[in-house]
Protein backbone atom coordinates (compact mmCIF):
# COMPACT_ATOMS: atom_id res chain seq x y z
CA MET A 1 -9.07 5.53 6.79
CA PRO A 2 -5.94 4.72 4.82
CA LEU A 3 -5.44 5.38 1.13
CA LEU A 4 -2.98 2.87 -0.32
CA GLN A 5 -1.88 4.08 -3.75
CA PHE A 6 0.13 1.81 -6.01
CA ASP A 7 1.96 2.91 -9.13
CA THR A 8 3.36 0.05 -11.14
CA THR A 9 4.63 -1.03 -14.52
CA LEU A 10 2.92 -4.41 -14.05
CA GLN A 11 0.24 -5.18 -16.62
CA LEU A 12 -2.48 -6.64 -14.42
CA SER A 13 -5.89 -7.88 -15.44
CA ALA A 14 -9.00 -6.63 -13.65
CA THR A 15 -9.13 -9.91 -11.73
CA GLU A 16 -5.48 -9.61 -10.69
CA LYS A 17 -6.02 -6.01 -9.54
CA THR A 18 -9.04 -7.01 -7.47
CA SER A 19 -7.20 -9.93 -5.92
CA PHE A 20 -4.17 -7.76 -5.18
CA ALA A 21 -6.31 -5.02 -3.59
CA GLU A 22 -8.10 -7.60 -1.45
CA ARG A 23 -4.82 -9.14 -0.29
CA VAL A 24 -3.27 -5.74 0.47
CA THR A 25 -6.37 -4.87 2.50
CA GLU A 26 -6.00 -8.13 4.45
CA LEU A 27 -2.34 -7.40 5.11
CA TYR A 28 -3.14 -3.85 6.20
CA THR A 29 -5.83 -4.89 8.65
CA ALA A 30 -3.64 -7.62 10.13
CA GLU A 31 -0.48 -5.57 10.50
CA MET A 32 -2.10 -2.24 11.43
CA ASP A 33 -4.73 -3.59 13.85
CA THR A 34 -7.81 -2.16 12.12
CA THR A 35 -10.87 -3.20 10.13
CA ALA A 36 -11.21 -3.44 6.35
CA GLY A 37 -14.27 -1.29 5.68
CA HIS A 38 -12.39 1.98 5.41
CA VAL A 39 -9.26 0.81 3.56
CA ALA A 40 -9.03 2.35 0.07
CA VAL A 41 -6.66 0.95 -2.57
CA THR A 42 -5.75 2.40 -5.96
CA ILE A 43 -3.67 0.61 -8.58
CA ARG A 44 -2.35 2.73 -11.41
CA THR A 45 -0.59 1.08 -14.33
CA ARG A 46 2.21 3.21 -15.74
CA GLU A 47 4.45 3.00 -18.75
CA SER A 48 8.03 2.00 -17.94
CA ALA A 49 9.24 5.52 -18.73
CA ASP A 50 6.80 6.95 -16.15
CA LEU A 51 8.56 5.38 -13.15
CA HIS A 52 12.20 5.48 -12.18
CA LEU A 53 14.15 4.07 -9.25
CA GLY A 54 17.91 4.45 -9.25
CA ARG A 55 18.62 1.02 -7.81
CA ALA A 56 16.16 -0.84 -10.06
CA VAL A 57 17.12 -3.96 -11.95
CA PRO A 58 15.35 -5.24 -15.08
CA GLY A 59 11.75 -6.11 -14.30
CA PRO A 60 8.55 -4.43 -13.21
CA LEU A 61 8.46 -1.57 -10.69
CA LEU A 62 5.97 -1.22 -7.84
CA PHE A 63 5.69 1.82 -5.58
CA LEU A 64 3.27 2.20 -2.68
CA ASP A 65 2.34 5.60 -1.28
CA ALA A 66 0.55 4.73 1.96
CA GLU A 67 -1.47 7.65 3.30
CA ILE A 68 -2.27 6.56 6.86
CA ARG A 69 -3.47 7.92 10.17
CA ARG A 70 -0.57 8.90 12.40
CA GLY A 71 0.35 7.05 15.53
CA ARG A 72 1.31 3.55 14.53
CA PRO A 73 4.73 2.34 15.65
CA ALA A 74 7.48 1.96 13.07
CA GLU A 75 7.45 -1.81 13.63
CA ARG A 76 3.84 -2.06 12.40
CA LYS A 77 4.54 0.07 9.34
CA ARG A 78 7.66 -1.96 8.54
CA ALA A 79 5.79 -5.26 8.93
CA PHE A 80 3.07 -4.07 6.55
CA ALA A 81 5.59 -2.76 4.00
CA LEU A 82 7.53 -6.04 4.05
CA ALA A 83 4.34 -8.11 3.76
CA VAL A 84 3.17 -6.12 0.71
CA MET A 85 6.56 -6.33 -0.97
CA ASP A 86 6.81 -10.06 -0.23
CA HIS A 87 3.37 -10.62 -1.74
CA ALA A 88 4.16 -8.56 -4.87
CA GLY A 89 7.50 -10.27 -5.31
CA THR A 90 6.08 -13.75 -4.90
CA THR A 91 2.89 -13.21 -6.89
CA PHE A 92 4.10 -10.98 -9.72
CA ASP A 93 7.89 -11.55 -9.79
CA VAL A 94 8.70 -7.94 -8.89
CA PRO A 95 12.41 -7.87 -7.95
CA ASP A 96 13.13 -6.66 -4.42
CA PRO A 97 15.21 -3.66 -5.58
CA ASN A 98 12.26 -2.51 -7.74
CA MET A 99 9.84 -1.90 -4.87
CA LYS A 100 9.44 1.09 -2.59
CA VAL A 101 6.96 1.98 0.17
CA VAL A 102 6.52 5.49 1.53
CA PHE A 103 4.25 6.34 4.45
CA THR A 104 2.65 9.74 4.88
CA GLU A 105 0.92 10.17 8.22
CA HIS A 106 -2.06 12.41 8.86
CA PRO A 107 -4.00 13.49 11.95
CA GLY A 108 -7.14 11.37 12.27
CA ASP A 109 -9.46 14.29 11.54
CA SER A 110 -7.76 14.82 8.17
CA MET A 111 -9.11 11.50 6.94
CA MET A 112 -12.80 11.60 6.06
CA GLY A 113 -15.62 9.70 4.44
CA VAL A 114 -19.17 10.89 3.84
CA ASP A 115 -20.33 9.22 7.04
CA ARG A 116 -17.39 9.87 9.36
CA VAL A 117 -14.31 11.79 10.30
CA GLY A 118 -11.37 9.72 11.49
CA GLY A 119 -10.12 9.85 15.04
CA GLU A 120 -6.69 9.32 16.48
CA TRP A 121 -5.22 5.84 16.37
CA GLY A 122 -4.67 4.03 19.62
CA ALA A 123 -3.37 0.55 20.23
CA GLU A 124 -6.03 -1.60 21.87
């Protein structure tokens, strides 16, 4: 039941946001070995003064705060982070130094929907 929250200075159309959210969901399900139905994505457009990254170069910024269920190996998280950054860089010309991904892990029962409470993650 991940919540993938993007803050960016990109000016994306509604169509671009939808396409980006769909692609990020695909990347998440592939890299994290899960299904798409419970993946939530937010995309928040910020003014350039709202975001800062010390190493940034001229160009748009893109930060991902990935709230995920604990238990996935670092290799899976790294593969997902790299896939998202590669997609953003290729699709929207976000320079590599201008992207950052942070994972926050939660116990499964801390992630809830109306119809369910998450369980612990286990590799199949």
